[in-house]
Amino acid sequence: MRKGILEYCILAILSRGASYAPRIISELKEAEMIVVEGTLYPILTRQKNAGLLTYRWEESPQGPPRKFYSLTDKGRTVLRQLDFAWEELVKQIATIRGDKEEFNPESDRKQID
């Protein structure tokens, strides 16, 4: 389940514009999703091989060139499908849990702490 969520999150990050692996990891960590390069690179390779991503090399002012990944048209289509599936899953889980109110992670987290 976590792998699938990470794949979804990577596509979502790249939907905002091209990025390279360390920046993707940084964005995931900012969202409190713990991921390391050893997890990220195989996912990026799978997504590229599936035609969801493309990449280009760009010179870096510090160090070696960077590989910038971006979504393909197919990647954007898959992301829209995943967005829809995610929204449906959230609704289904809310129904199963009997939630009357919409889920609010910030206020719910405060209640747990």
N, C-alpha and C. Protein backbone atom coordinates (compact mmCIF):
# COMPACT_ATOMS: atom_id res chain seq x y z
N MET A 1 0.83 -1.20 0.00
CA MET A 1 0.00 0.00 0.00
C MET A 1 0.87 1.26 0.00
N ARG A 2 1.92 1.26 0.84
CA ARG A 2 2.80 2.42 0.92
C ARG A 2 3.48 2.70 -0.42
N LYS A 3 3.92 1.64 -1.11
CA LYS A 3 4.58 1.81 -2.41
C LYS A 3 3.63 2.50 -3.38
N GLY A 4 2.38 2.07 -3.41
CA GLY A 4 1.40 2.67 -4.30
C GLY A 4 1.15 4.13 -3.97
N ILE A 5 1.12 4.44 -2.69
CA ILE A 5 0.93 5.83 -2.26
C ILE A 5 2.13 6.67 -2.69
N LEU A 6 3.33 6.12 -2.53
CA LEU A 6 4.54 6.86 -2.94
C LEU A 6 4.52 7.12 -4.45
N GLU A 7 4.10 6.13 -5.21
CA GLU A 7 4.03 6.32 -6.66
C GLU A 7 3.05 7.44 -7.00
N TYR A 8 1.94 7.46 -6.32
CA TYR A 8 0.93 8.51 -6.51
C TYR A 8 1.52 9.87 -6.13
N CYS A 9 2.19 9.95 -4.98
CA CYS A 9 2.76 11.21 -4.52
C CYS A 9 3.83 11.72 -5.47
N ILE A 10 4.64 10.84 -6.02
CA ILE A 10 5.67 11.25 -6.97
C ILE A 10 5.03 11.87 -8.20
N LEU A 11 4.00 11.23 -8.73
CA LEU A 11 3.31 11.79 -9.88
C LEU A 11 2.70 13.15 -9.53
N ALA A 12 2.15 13.27 -8.34
CA ALA A 12 1.54 14.54 -7.92
C ALA A 12 2.60 15.64 -7.83
N ILE A 13 3.76 15.33 -7.27
CA ILE A 13 4.84 16.31 -7.18
C ILE A 13 5.26 16.75 -8.58
N LEU A 14 5.44 15.78 -9.48
CA LEU A 14 5.89 16.10 -10.83
C LEU A 14 4.82 16.80 -11.66
N SER A 15 3.57 16.73 -11.22
CA SER A 15 2.51 17.42 -11.96
C SER A 15 2.67 18.94 -11.84
N ARG A 16 3.41 19.39 -10.83
CA ARG A 16 3.65 20.82 -10.63
C ARG A 16 4.86 21.32 -11.42
N GLY A 17 5.60 20.38 -12.03
CA GLY A 17 6.77 20.78 -12.81
C GLY A 17 7.89 19.77 -12.67
N ALA A 18 8.84 19.84 -13.58
CA ALA A 18 9.97 18.91 -13.59
C ALA A 18 10.77 19.05 -12.30
N SER A 19 11.34 17.92 -11.86
CA SER A 19 12.12 17.93 -10.64
C SER A 19 13.15 16.81 -10.70
N TYR A 20 14.12 16.86 -9.80
CA TYR A 20 15.13 15.82 -9.72
C TYR A 20 15.01 15.10 -8.38
N ALA A 21 15.61 13.92 -8.28
CA ALA A 21 15.37 13.02 -7.15
C ALA A 21 15.58 13.66 -5.77
N PRO A 22 16.69 14.34 -5.50
CA PRO A 22 16.83 14.91 -4.15
C PRO A 22 15.73 15.92 -3.80
N ARG A 23 15.26 16.68 -4.77
CA ARG A 23 14.18 17.63 -4.50
C ARG A 23 12.87 16.87 -4.23
N ILE A 24 12.62 15.79 -4.97
CA ILE A 24 11.41 14.98 -4.74
C ILE A 24 11.45 14.41 -3.33
N ILE A 25 12.61 13.88 -2.93
CA ILE A 25 12.76 13.34 -1.58
C ILE A 25 12.50 14.43 -0.55
N SER A 26 13.02 15.60 -0.78
CA SER A 26 12.82 16.72 0.14
C SER A 26 11.34 17.06 0.29
N GLU A 27 10.61 17.10 -0.82
CA GLU A 27 9.17 17.40 -0.75
C GLU A 27 8.41 16.32 -0.01
N LEU A 28 8.79 15.06 -0.22
CA LEU A 28 8.14 13.97 0.49
C LEU A 28 8.42 14.06 1.99
N LYS A 29 9.66 14.40 2.34
CA LYS A 29 10.01 14.54 3.76
C LYS A 29 9.27 15.72 4.39
N GLU A 30 9.12 16.81 3.65
CA GLU A 30 8.36 17.96 4.18
C GLU A 30 6.93 17.55 4.51
N ALA A 31 6.40 16.59 3.76
CA ALA A 31 5.04 16.10 4.00
C ALA A 31 5.04 14.97 5.03
N GLU A 32 6.20 14.77 5.68
CA GLU A 32 6.37 13.74 6.70
C GLU A 32 6.24 12.33 6.17
N MET A 33 6.57 12.15 4.90
CA MET A 33 6.65 10.81 4.31
C MET A 33 8.13 10.46 4.24
N ILE A 34 8.51 9.46 4.98
CA ILE A 34 9.92 9.08 5.03
C ILE A 34 10.23 8.20 3.83
N VAL A 35 11.19 8.66 3.05
CA VAL A 35 11.61 7.91 1.87
C VAL A 35 13.08 8.17 1.65
N VAL A 36 13.79 7.17 1.17
CA VAL A 36 15.22 7.30 0.89
C VAL A 36 15.45 7.07 -0.60
N GLU A 37 16.64 7.44 -1.06
CA GLU A 37 16.97 7.31 -2.48
C GLU A 37 16.80 5.88 -2.96
N GLY A 38 17.15 4.92 -2.11
CA GLY A 38 17.05 3.51 -2.50
C GLY A 38 15.62 3.07 -2.77
N THR A 39 14.66 3.80 -2.24
CA THR A 39 13.24 3.54 -2.51
C THR A 39 12.78 4.34 -3.72
N LEU A 40 13.24 5.57 -3.82
CA LEU A 40 12.75 6.47 -4.87
C LEU A 40 13.19 6.06 -6.27
N TYR A 41 14.48 5.78 -6.44
CA TYR A 41 14.99 5.52 -7.78
C TYR A 41 14.32 4.34 -8.49
N PRO A 42 14.06 3.22 -7.82
CA PRO A 42 13.34 2.13 -8.51
C PRO A 42 11.93 2.54 -8.95
N ILE A 43 11.26 3.35 -8.14
CA ILE A 43 9.92 3.81 -8.50
C ILE A 43 10.00 4.72 -9.73
N LEU A 44 10.96 5.65 -9.73
CA LEU A 44 11.13 6.54 -10.89
C LEU A 44 11.43 5.72 -12.15
N THR A 45 12.27 4.71 -12.02
CA THR A 45 12.61 3.86 -13.17
C THR A 45 11.38 3.11 -13.67
N ARG A 46 10.60 2.55 -12.75
CA ARG A 46 9.36 1.84 -13.15
C ARG A 46 8.40 2.79 -13.85
N GLN A 47 8.24 3.98 -13.30
CA GLN A 47 7.31 4.94 -13.90
C GLN A 47 7.81 5.39 -15.28
N LYS A 48 9.11 5.55 -15.42
CA LYS A 48 9.67 5.92 -16.73
C LYS A 48 9.46 4.79 -17.73
N ASN A 49 9.72 3.55 -17.30
CA ASN A 49 9.55 2.40 -18.18
C ASN A 49 8.09 2.19 -18.56
N ALA A 50 7.18 2.61 -17.71
CA ALA A 50 5.74 2.49 -17.99
C ALA A 50 5.24 3.64 -18.87
N GLY A 51 6.14 4.58 -19.19
CA GLY A 51 5.75 5.69 -20.05
C GLY A 51 5.07 6.83 -19.33
N LEU A 52 5.15 6.83 -17.99
CA LEU A 52 4.50 7.89 -17.21
C LEU A 52 5.40 9.11 -17.05
N LEU A 53 6.71 8.89 -17.14
CA LEU A 53 7.69 9.96 -16.96
C LEU A 53 8.66 9.99 -18.12
N THR A 54 9.24 11.13 -18.28
CA THR A 54 10.38 11.30 -19.17
C THR A 54 11.43 12.06 -18.38
N TYR A 55 12.64 12.13 -18.88
CA TYR A 55 13.65 12.89 -18.17
C TYR A 55 14.59 13.59 -19.14
N ARG A 56 15.28 14.58 -18.61
CA ARG A 56 16.32 15.28 -19.36
C ARG A 56 17.46 15.57 -18.40
N TRP A 57 18.65 15.65 -18.94
CA TRP A 57 19.82 15.99 -18.12
C TRP A 57 20.00 17.49 -18.16
N GLU A 58 20.31 18.06 -17.00
CA GLU A 58 20.53 19.50 -16.91
C GLU A 58 21.80 19.75 -16.10
N GLU A 59 22.64 20.63 -16.61
CA GLU A 59 23.87 20.98 -15.89
C GLU A 59 23.52 21.57 -14.53
N SER A 60 24.36 21.28 -13.56
CA SER A 60 24.16 21.78 -12.21
C SER A 60 25.29 22.75 -11.87
N PRO A 61 24.97 23.86 -11.20
CA PRO A 61 26.03 24.79 -10.79
C PRO A 61 26.98 24.15 -9.77
N GLN A 62 26.47 23.16 -9.02
CA GLN A 62 27.30 22.43 -8.06
C GLN A 62 27.24 20.95 -8.40
N GLY A 63 28.36 20.38 -8.78
CA GLY A 63 28.43 18.94 -8.99
C GLY A 63 28.03 18.50 -10.38
N PRO A 64 27.72 17.21 -10.49
CA PRO A 64 27.42 16.63 -11.81
C PRO A 64 26.04 17.06 -12.33
N PRO A 65 25.78 16.79 -13.62
CA PRO A 65 24.45 17.12 -14.17
C PRO A 65 23.36 16.39 -13.40
N ARG A 66 22.16 16.97 -13.42
CA ARG A 66 21.01 16.38 -12.72
C ARG A 66 20.01 15.85 -13.74
N LYS A 67 19.39 14.75 -13.37
CA LYS A 67 18.33 14.16 -14.19
C LYS A 67 17.00 14.73 -13.71
N PHE A 68 16.36 15.54 -14.55
CA PHE A 68 15.07 16.13 -14.23
C PHE A 68 13.96 15.29 -14.84
N TYR A 69 13.04 14.84 -13.99
CA TYR A 69 11.91 14.03 -14.42
C TYR A 69 10.69 14.93 -14.64
N SER A 70 9.87 14.56 -15.61
CA SER A 70 8.61 15.27 -15.82
C SER A 70 7.56 14.27 -16.30
N LEU A 71 6.30 14.65 -16.11
CA LEU A 71 5.19 13.78 -16.51
C LEU A 71 5.01 13.79 -18.02
N THR A 72 4.64 12.64 -18.54
CA THR A 72 4.21 12.55 -19.93
C THR A 72 2.70 12.73 -19.96
N ASP A 73 2.12 12.77 -21.15
CA ASP A 73 0.65 12.83 -21.25
C ASP A 73 0.03 11.61 -20.57
N LYS A 74 0.65 10.45 -20.78
CA LYS A 74 0.15 9.23 -20.14
C LYS A 74 0.24 9.35 -18.62
N GLY A 75 1.32 9.95 -18.12
CA GLY A 75 1.48 10.16 -16.68
C GLY A 75 0.40 11.06 -16.12
N ARG A 76 0.04 12.12 -16.87
CA ARG A 76 -1.02 13.01 -16.42
C ARG A 76 -2.37 12.29 -16.38
N THR A 77 -2.60 11.43 -17.38
CA THR A 77 -3.84 10.65 -17.40
C THR A 77 -3.90 9.70 -16.21
N VAL A 78 -2.81 9.01 -15.94
CA VAL A 78 -2.76 8.08 -14.81
C VAL A 78 -2.94 8.85 -13.50
N LEU A 79 -2.35 10.02 -13.38
CA LEU A 79 -2.52 10.82 -12.17
C LEU A 79 -3.99 11.20 -11.97
N ARG A 80 -4.67 11.60 -13.02
CA ARG A 80 -6.10 11.92 -12.90
C ARG A 80 -6.88 10.68 -12.44
N GLN A 81 -6.54 9.51 -12.97
CA GLN A 81 -7.21 8.29 -12.55
C GLN A 81 -6.94 7.99 -11.07
N LEU A 82 -5.70 8.21 -10.66
CA LEU A 82 -5.34 7.99 -9.26
C LEU A 82 -6.04 8.99 -8.34
N ASP A 83 -6.16 10.25 -8.79
CA ASP A 83 -6.89 11.25 -8.01
C ASP A 83 -8.33 10.79 -7.77
N PHE A 84 -8.97 10.32 -8.83
CA PHE A 84 -10.35 9.85 -8.72
C PHE A 84 -10.43 8.65 -7.78
N ALA A 85 -9.52 7.68 -7.96
CA ALA A 85 -9.52 6.48 -7.12
C ALA A 85 -9.29 6.84 -5.65
N TRP A 86 -8.40 7.80 -5.40
CA TRP A 86 -8.12 8.22 -4.02
C TRP A 86 -9.36 8.84 -3.39
N GLU A 87 -10.03 9.73 -4.11
CA GLU A 87 -11.24 10.37 -3.58
C GLU A 87 -12.31 9.33 -3.29
N GLU A 88 -12.45 8.36 -4.15
CA GLU A 88 -13.43 7.30 -3.93
C GLU A 88 -13.06 6.47 -2.70
N LEU A 89 -11.78 6.14 -2.56
CA LEU A 89 -11.33 5.35 -1.42
C LEU A 89 -11.57 6.10 -0.10
N VAL A 90 -11.29 7.38 -0.07
CA VAL A 90 -11.52 8.18 1.14
C VAL A 90 -13.01 8.16 1.50
N LYS A 91 -13.88 8.32 0.50
CA LYS A 91 -15.32 8.28 0.76
C LYS A 91 -15.75 6.90 1.28
N GLN A 92 -15.22 5.85 0.67
CA GLN A 92 -15.59 4.49 1.08
C GLN A 92 -15.16 4.21 2.51
N ILE A 93 -13.94 4.62 2.86
CA ILE A 93 -13.46 4.40 4.22
C ILE A 93 -14.27 5.22 5.21
N ALA A 94 -14.61 6.44 4.85
CA ALA A 94 -15.44 7.27 5.73
C ALA A 94 -16.79 6.61 5.97
N THR A 95 -17.35 6.02 4.92
CA THR A 95 -18.63 5.33 5.06
C THR A 95 -18.49 4.13 5.99
N ILE A 96 -17.45 3.34 5.80
CA ILE A 96 -17.23 2.16 6.64
C ILE A 96 -17.03 2.55 8.09
N ARG A 97 -16.32 3.62 8.32
CA ARG A 97 -16.05 4.09 9.68
C ARG A 97 -17.26 4.77 10.28
N GLY A 98 -18.25 5.11 9.46
CA GLY A 98 -19.43 5.79 9.96
C GLY A 98 -19.18 7.25 10.25
N ASP A 99 -18.18 7.80 9.59
CA ASP A 99 -17.85 9.22 9.81
C ASP A 99 -18.98 10.10 9.32
N LYS A 100 -19.41 10.97 10.20
CA LYS A 100 -20.46 11.92 9.85
C LYS A 100 -19.85 13.22 9.33
N GLU A 101 -18.66 13.54 9.86
CA GLU A 101 -17.98 14.77 9.46
C GLU A 101 -16.84 14.42 8.51
N GLU A 102 -16.45 15.41 7.73
CA GLU A 102 -15.34 15.23 6.83
C GLU A 102 -14.04 15.15 7.64
N PHE A 103 -13.12 14.34 7.20
CA PHE A 103 -11.83 14.14 7.85
C PHE A 103 -11.01 15.42 7.79
N ASN A 104 -10.49 15.84 8.94
CA ASN A 104 -9.62 17.01 9.02
C ASN A 104 -8.36 16.60 9.75
N PRO A 105 -7.26 16.30 9.02
CA PRO A 105 -6.06 15.77 9.67
C PRO A 105 -5.50 16.66 10.76
N GLU A 106 -5.55 17.96 10.61
CA GLU A 106 -4.97 18.86 11.62
C GLU A 106 -5.73 18.80 12.93
N SER A 107 -7.05 18.94 12.88
CA SER A 107 -7.81 18.91 14.13
C SER A 107 -7.84 17.50 14.71
N ASP A 108 -7.89 16.49 13.86
CA ASP A 108 -7.90 15.11 14.36
C ASP A 108 -6.57 14.75 15.01
N ARG A 109 -5.46 15.26 14.48
CA ARG A 109 -4.15 14.99 15.06
C ARG A 109 -4.04 15.61 16.45
N LYS A 110 -4.60 16.82 16.63
CA LYS A 110 -4.56 17.49 17.92
C LYS A 110 -5.32 16.69 18.96
N GLN A 111 -6.41 16.04 18.55
CA GLN A 111 -7.19 15.23 19.49
C GLN A 111 -6.42 14.00 19.93
N ILE A 112 -5.57 13.45 19.03
CA ILE A 112 -4.79 12.26 19.35
C ILE A 112 -3.67 12.61 20.31
N ASP A 113 -3.04 13.78 20.11
CA ASP A 113 -1.90 14.19 20.95
C ASP A 113 -2.32 14.50 22.32
